[in-house]
Amino acid sequence: MRLRFVSIFLGLALIVAVPLSTPANAAIKVIVNDTPITDYDISQRSRLITMTQRKSGAAAKRQAEQELIDDQIKLAEAERVGVEISQSEVDSAYNNIARNVKMSPSQLSKALRNGGVKPETLKSRLKAQLAWNQVLRRRFSGRIEVNESDIIAALQKTDEADRQKSVEYDLKRVIVVVPKSSSGGFKSKRKQESNKIRSAFNGCENMGSVLGQYSEVVVRPIGRRLETELPVDMREEIQALGSGKLTKPSATEVGYEMIAICGKREIASDIAVRTELENELRAKEGESQSRRYLMDIRRRATIIYR
């Protein structure tokens, strides 16, 4: 389940600055499994909700309190099943949000502070979400099924033209290798080379002449993939680029990776729309199971209101 923070943050930089301080005498409002939630915690989460969801006043405060209670319950369950979230994972999720709203992490932090929200408030929410996602994967991986009759019913509601064709891409992975022990300067150099490769790339048939100008560049086949099999972000970028292009360099454990779009074709099949509908139905069922699971462990939790 993806973390959903999109363009709602784009207006953050325009918010009038609100002083930030953590009151020493913050009052405890709720205790969840021996973990206190203070009025300051609720105020911070409420401000975050106001900034991201345009809710305010009592509605934001009520939602903030319930979110914080749920977060503590999720974290407790994660600890029970052995799930641990590192600070680097939280920071990576935070950086992804910044990138999605066209900010650097420091710019996002500044925008949050201008709205009276500590960056740690968002990071705390992210940690609970990351932990819960891992808990759900452990519990429900491979167990979420959808009925064939539901898929057929959903297919019948789609446009007939969409049901008759699917788009398939022929893809290769281009890796500009960067050893883990490399210096910052070398990493920067390799990123610049990756961008040069991308600019000069003019199709998979001629990739040897471009890649041969650089050392330690590896090409690995991905093969033919339906567009519905691709992650949403990758699919959108590939659709926008078209055949004979490279996607933007992405930093990975082995270096900078780009996807080469070697070909595209339409095939007479309903498999693409069918796969997309099945994924949507599976996601809905997963959300339903997640809610039931949370309600179950919430009933077993000790929640004391002060």
Protein backbone atom coordinates (compact mmCIF):
# COMPACT_ATOMS: atom_id res chain seq x y z
CA MET A 1 0.00 0.00 0.00
CA ARG A 2 1.48 3.13 -1.06
CA LEU A 3 2.08 6.24 1.02
CA ARG A 4 -0.27 8.92 -0.31
CA PHE A 5 1.30 12.39 -0.08
CA VAL A 6 0.97 14.21 -3.40
CA SER A 7 0.30 17.79 -4.50
CA ILE A 8 -1.41 18.65 -1.19
CA PHE A 9 1.96 19.94 0.01
CA LEU A 10 2.52 22.34 -2.86
CA GLY A 11 1.08 25.32 -1.02
CA LEU A 12 3.06 24.78 2.17
CA ALA A 13 5.64 27.43 1.41
CA LEU A 14 2.93 30.09 1.37
CA ILE A 15 1.74 29.45 4.92
CA VAL A 16 2.38 32.19 7.49
CA ALA A 17 5.01 31.14 9.99
CA VAL A 18 3.80 29.88 13.37
CA PRO A 19 6.21 29.71 16.31
CA LEU A 20 7.34 26.21 17.22
CA SER A 21 8.05 25.08 20.74
CA THR A 22 7.43 21.96 22.77
CA PRO A 23 5.71 22.90 26.04
CA ALA A 24 7.27 21.30 29.07
CA ASN A 25 3.86 21.05 30.74
CA ALA A 26 2.03 19.33 27.85
CA ALA A 27 -0.98 17.55 29.30
CA ILE A 28 -1.55 13.84 28.71
CA LYS A 29 -4.89 13.34 26.95
CA VAL A 30 -4.79 9.61 26.06
CA ILE A 31 -2.72 6.62 27.16
CA VAL A 32 -2.44 3.75 24.65
CA ASN A 33 -0.82 0.57 25.97
CA ASP A 34 1.17 2.66 28.49
CA THR A 35 2.25 5.17 25.82
CA PRO A 36 1.03 8.75 26.51
CA ILE A 37 -0.41 11.05 23.85
CA THR A 38 -0.32 14.71 24.88
CA ASP A 39 -2.38 17.70 23.86
CA TYR A 40 0.77 18.96 22.12
CA ASP A 41 0.99 15.75 20.05
CA ILE A 42 -2.65 16.19 19.08
CA SER A 43 -2.12 19.85 18.23
CA GLN A 44 0.85 19.03 15.99
CA ARG A 45 -0.97 16.24 14.14
CA SER A 46 -4.03 18.47 13.83
CA ARG A 47 -1.97 21.18 12.15
CA LEU A 48 -0.49 18.60 9.78
CA ILE A 49 -4.00 17.42 8.87
CA THR A 50 -5.08 21.02 8.29
CA MET A 51 -2.13 21.58 5.95
CA THR A 52 -2.52 18.35 3.97
CA GLN A 53 -6.26 17.70 4.00
CA ARG A 54 -7.73 21.17 4.38
CA LYS A 55 -9.60 20.20 7.53
CA SER A 56 -9.56 22.52 10.49
CA GLY A 57 -10.84 23.15 13.97
CA ALA A 58 -12.62 20.40 15.88
CA ALA A 59 -12.72 18.02 12.90
CA ALA A 60 -8.94 18.09 12.48
CA LYS A 61 -8.41 17.68 16.22
CA ARG A 62 -10.75 14.65 16.41
CA GLN A 63 -9.03 13.03 13.45
CA ALA A 64 -5.61 13.79 14.91
CA GLU A 65 -6.44 12.09 18.19
CA GLN A 66 -7.77 8.97 16.48
CA GLU A 67 -4.79 8.82 14.10
CA LEU A 68 -2.34 9.02 16.99
CA ILE A 69 -4.18 6.27 18.86
CA ASP A 70 -4.15 4.08 15.75
CA ASP A 71 -0.45 4.82 15.20
CA GLN A 72 0.44 3.57 18.67
CA ILE A 73 -1.66 0.46 18.16
CA LYS A 74 0.01 -0.21 14.80
CA LEU A 75 3.49 0.29 16.26
CA ALA A 76 2.70 -2.03 19.16
CA GLU A 77 1.50 -4.72 16.75
CA ALA A 78 4.60 -4.24 14.61
CA GLU A 79 6.80 -4.75 17.66
CA ARG A 80 4.80 -7.86 18.60
CA VAL A 81 5.37 -9.51 15.22
CA GLY A 82 9.02 -8.43 14.99
CA VAL A 83 8.80 -5.56 12.51
CA GLU A 84 11.38 -2.80 12.96
CA ILE A 85 11.56 0.43 10.97
CA SER A 86 14.95 2.12 10.78
CA GLN A 87 15.50 5.87 10.79
CA SER A 88 16.96 5.59 7.28
CA GLU A 89 13.68 4.08 6.04
CA VAL A 90 11.72 6.95 7.58
CA ASP A 91 14.12 9.51 6.10
CA SER A 92 13.84 7.87 2.68
CA ALA A 93 10.03 8.07 2.79
CA TYR A 94 10.28 11.72 3.89
CA ASN A 95 12.66 12.48 1.03
CA ASN A 96 10.28 10.81 -1.43
CA ILE A 97 7.48 13.11 -0.31
CA ALA A 98 9.75 16.11 -0.82
CA ARG A 99 10.66 14.91 -4.30
CA ASN A 100 7.00 14.33 -5.21
CA VAL A 101 6.15 17.94 -4.37
CA LYS A 102 9.22 19.34 -6.14
CA MET A 103 11.07 20.30 -2.94
CA SER A 104 14.30 19.30 -1.31
CA PRO A 105 13.97 17.67 2.14
CA SER A 106 15.21 20.87 3.78
CA GLN A 107 12.64 22.93 1.85
CA LEU A 108 9.88 20.58 2.96
CA SER A 109 11.06 20.86 6.57
CA LYS A 110 11.07 24.64 6.32
CA ALA A 111 7.56 24.66 4.82
CA LEU A 112 6.29 22.45 7.65
CA ARG A 113 7.88 24.68 10.29
CA ASN A 114 6.33 27.73 8.64
CA GLY A 115 2.97 26.06 9.18
CA GLY A 116 3.75 25.38 12.82
CA VAL A 117 4.51 21.67 12.34
CA LYS A 118 7.74 19.99 13.36
CA PRO A 119 9.16 17.70 10.64
CA GLU A 120 9.25 14.95 13.29
CA THR A 121 5.44 15.07 13.34
CA LEU A 122 5.29 13.92 9.72
CA LYS A 123 8.13 11.46 10.26
CA SER A 124 6.28 9.89 13.19
CA ARG A 125 3.24 9.37 10.98
CA LEU A 126 5.46 7.87 8.27
CA LYS A 127 7.08 5.45 10.71
CA ALA A 128 3.68 4.12 11.79
CA GLN A 129 2.57 3.76 8.16
CA LEU A 130 5.76 1.97 7.12
CA ALA A 131 5.51 -0.40 10.08
CA TRP A 132 1.84 -1.13 9.39
CA ASN A 133 2.52 -1.80 5.71
CA GLN A 134 5.12 -4.40 6.66
CA VAL A 135 2.76 -5.96 9.20
CA LEU A 136 0.08 -6.24 6.53
CA ARG A 137 2.48 -7.78 4.03
CA ARG A 138 3.47 -10.43 6.55
CA ARG A 139 -0.09 -11.21 7.49
CA PHE A 140 -1.85 -11.10 4.13
CA SER A 141 0.85 -11.79 1.53
CA GLY A 142 -0.62 -14.18 -1.03
CA ARG A 143 -3.90 -14.45 0.87
CA ILE A 144 -5.95 -11.71 -0.75
CA GLU A 145 -8.19 -13.26 -3.40
CA VAL A 146 -10.92 -11.81 -5.61
CA ASN A 147 -13.80 -13.70 -7.19
CA GLU A 148 -13.79 -14.32 -10.93
CA SER A 149 -17.42 -13.17 -11.03
CA ASP A 150 -16.40 -9.79 -9.58
CA ILE A 151 -13.70 -9.38 -12.26
CA ILE A 152 -16.14 -10.24 -15.04
CA ALA A 153 -18.72 -7.82 -13.64
CA ALA A 154 -16.11 -5.04 -13.53
CA LEU A 155 -15.00 -5.86 -17.09
CA GLN A 156 -18.53 -5.52 -18.38
CA LYS A 157 -18.64 -1.95 -17.07
CA THR A 158 -15.54 -0.87 -19.02
CA ASP A 159 -15.45 0.55 -22.52
CA GLU A 160 -15.45 -2.21 -25.15
CA ALA A 161 -12.57 -0.61 -27.07
CA ASP A 162 -10.36 -0.75 -23.97
CA ARG A 163 -11.20 -4.43 -23.51
CA GLN A 164 -9.97 -5.33 -26.99
CA LYS A 165 -6.37 -4.14 -26.76
CA SER A 166 -3.39 -4.13 -24.42
CA VAL A 167 -0.10 -2.21 -24.61
CA GLU A 168 3.13 -4.15 -24.21
CA TYR A 169 6.66 -2.75 -23.85
CA ASP A 170 10.04 -4.36 -24.54
CA LEU A 171 12.35 -3.09 -21.79
CA LYS A 172 16.00 -3.29 -20.74
CA ARG A 173 17.73 -2.08 -17.60
CA VAL A 174 20.81 0.12 -18.06
CA ILE A 175 23.01 0.31 -14.95
CA VAL A 176 25.83 2.81 -14.47
CA VAL A 177 27.72 0.94 -11.75
CA VAL A 178 28.75 2.78 -8.58
CA PRO A 179 30.57 0.69 -5.92
CA LYS A 180 29.25 1.13 -2.37
CA SER A 181 32.59 2.44 -1.12
CA SER A 182 32.70 5.22 -3.74
CA SER A 183 33.32 8.83 -2.72
CA GLY A 184 30.71 11.52 -3.08
CA GLY A 185 32.69 13.04 -5.94
CA PHE A 186 32.73 9.76 -7.86
CA LYS A 187 28.98 9.28 -7.34
CA SER A 188 28.39 12.78 -8.68
CA LYS A 189 30.56 12.02 -11.71
CA ARG A 190 28.62 8.81 -12.42
CA LYS A 191 25.31 10.63 -12.15
CA GLN A 192 26.52 13.19 -14.69
CA GLU A 193 27.57 10.35 -16.98
CA SER A 194 24.14 8.76 -16.56
CA ASN A 195 22.48 11.98 -17.69
CA LYS A 196 24.85 12.21 -20.68
CA ILE A 197 23.99 8.64 -21.67
CA ARG A 198 20.30 9.46 -21.42
CA SER A 199 20.67 12.57 -23.58
CA ALA A 200 22.65 10.73 -26.28
CA PHE A 201 20.52 7.56 -26.27
CA ASN A 202 18.60 7.12 -29.54
CA GLY A 203 17.31 3.57 -29.47
CA CYS A 204 18.26 0.09 -28.32
CA GLU A 205 19.67 -0.87 -31.74
CA ASN A 206 22.43 1.73 -31.35
CA MET A 207 22.96 1.59 -27.59
CA GLY A 208 26.42 0.00 -27.94
CA SER A 209 27.89 3.10 -29.56
CA VAL A 210 26.60 5.28 -26.72
CA LEU A 211 27.29 3.02 -23.75
CA GLY A 212 30.72 2.01 -25.06
CA GLN A 213 32.01 5.50 -24.32
CA TYR A 214 31.69 4.87 -20.57
CA SER A 215 33.19 2.27 -18.26
CA GLU A 216 31.23 -0.12 -16.05
CA VAL A 217 27.85 0.22 -17.72
CA VAL A 218 25.75 -2.96 -17.61
CA VAL A 219 22.67 -3.82 -19.68
CA ARG A 220 20.22 -6.40 -18.37
CA PRO A 221 17.08 -7.53 -20.19
CA ILE A 222 13.72 -7.08 -18.51
CA GLY A 223 11.73 -8.45 -21.43
CA ARG A 224 8.20 -7.77 -22.55
CA ARG A 225 5.90 -6.28 -19.94
CA LEU A 226 2.29 -5.16 -20.13
CA GLU A 227 1.87 -1.55 -19.05
CA THR A 228 -0.37 -2.71 -16.19
CA GLU A 229 2.50 -4.82 -14.83
CA LEU A 230 4.69 -1.75 -14.34
CA PRO A 231 4.74 0.41 -11.18
CA VAL A 232 2.54 3.46 -11.66
CA ASP A 233 5.38 6.02 -11.59
CA MET A 234 7.44 4.01 -14.08
CA ARG A 235 4.43 3.43 -16.33
CA GLU A 236 3.62 7.14 -16.50
CA GLU A 237 7.21 8.06 -17.34
CA ILE A 238 7.48 5.35 -20.01
CA GLN A 239 4.16 6.38 -21.56
CA ALA A 240 5.36 9.99 -21.75
CA LEU A 241 8.73 9.07 -23.29
CA GLY A 242 7.83 6.46 -25.90
CA SER A 243 10.11 4.00 -27.73
CA GLY A 244 13.84 4.55 -28.09
CA LYS A 245 14.25 6.57 -24.89
CA LEU A 246 15.71 6.12 -21.40
CA THR A 247 13.96 6.93 -18.15
CA LYS A 248 15.59 9.30 -15.66
CA PRO A 249 18.51 7.87 -13.64
CA SER A 250 17.43 6.40 -10.33
CA ALA A 251 19.90 5.77 -7.49
CA THR A 252 19.97 2.13 -6.33
CA GLU A 253 22.30 -0.09 -4.30
CA VAL A 254 24.36 -0.90 -7.41
CA GLY A 255 24.50 2.51 -9.05
CA TYR A 256 22.28 4.64 -11.28
CA GLU A 257 19.63 2.69 -13.15
CA MET A 258 17.61 3.68 -16.21
CA ILE A 259 14.99 1.76 -18.16
CA ALA A 260 15.45 1.56 -21.94
CA ILE A 261 12.21 1.46 -23.92
CA CYS A 262 13.19 -0.79 -26.81
CA GLY A 263 9.75 -1.29 -28.29
CA LYS A 264 6.03 -0.84 -27.86
CA ARG A 265 3.12 -2.68 -29.42
CA GLU A 266 -0.61 -3.10 -29.06
CA ILE A 267 -1.92 -6.63 -28.79
CA ALA A 268 -5.48 -7.86 -29.21
CA SER A 269 -6.27 -8.87 -25.67
CA ASP A 270 -8.25 -7.74 -22.63
CA ILE A 271 -5.45 -8.87 -20.32
CA ALA A 272 -4.22 -5.34 -19.54
CA VAL A 273 -7.58 -3.93 -18.46
CA ARG A 274 -8.38 -7.21 -16.75
CA THR A 275 -5.13 -7.09 -14.76
CA GLU A 276 -5.76 -3.47 -13.76
CA LEU A 277 -9.29 -4.24 -12.60
CA GLU A 278 -8.11 -7.29 -10.68
CA ASN A 279 -5.43 -5.20 -8.96
CA GLU A 280 -8.03 -2.57 -8.02
CA LEU A 281 -10.38 -5.20 -6.59
CA ARG A 282 -7.49 -6.82 -4.72
CA ALA A 283 -6.48 -3.44 -3.29
CA LYS A 284 -10.03 -2.78 -2.09
CA GLU A 285 -10.18 -6.19 -0.45
CA GLY A 286 -6.78 -5.57 1.13
CA GLU A 287 -7.99 -2.25 2.56
CA SER A 288 -11.07 -3.99 3.95
CA GLN A 289 -8.98 -6.70 5.61
CA SER A 290 -6.61 -4.05 6.97
CA ARG A 291 -9.50 -2.16 8.59
CA ARG A 292 -10.86 -5.35 10.16
CA TYR A 293 -7.41 -6.29 11.45
CA LEU A 294 -6.90 -2.82 12.98
CA MET A 295 -10.35 -2.90 14.60
CA ASP A 296 -9.55 -6.31 16.10
CA ILE A 297 -6.24 -5.30 17.69
CA ARG A 298 -7.73 -1.97 18.75
CA ARG A 299 -10.40 -3.84 20.75
CA ARG A 300 -7.61 -5.68 22.58
CA ALA A 301 -5.61 -2.53 23.27
CA THR A 302 -5.75 -0.57 26.54
CA ILE A 303 -6.92 2.98 25.73
CA ILE A 304 -7.40 5.41 28.60
CA TYR A 305 -8.79 8.91 28.01
CA ARG A 306 -7.78 11.60 30.50
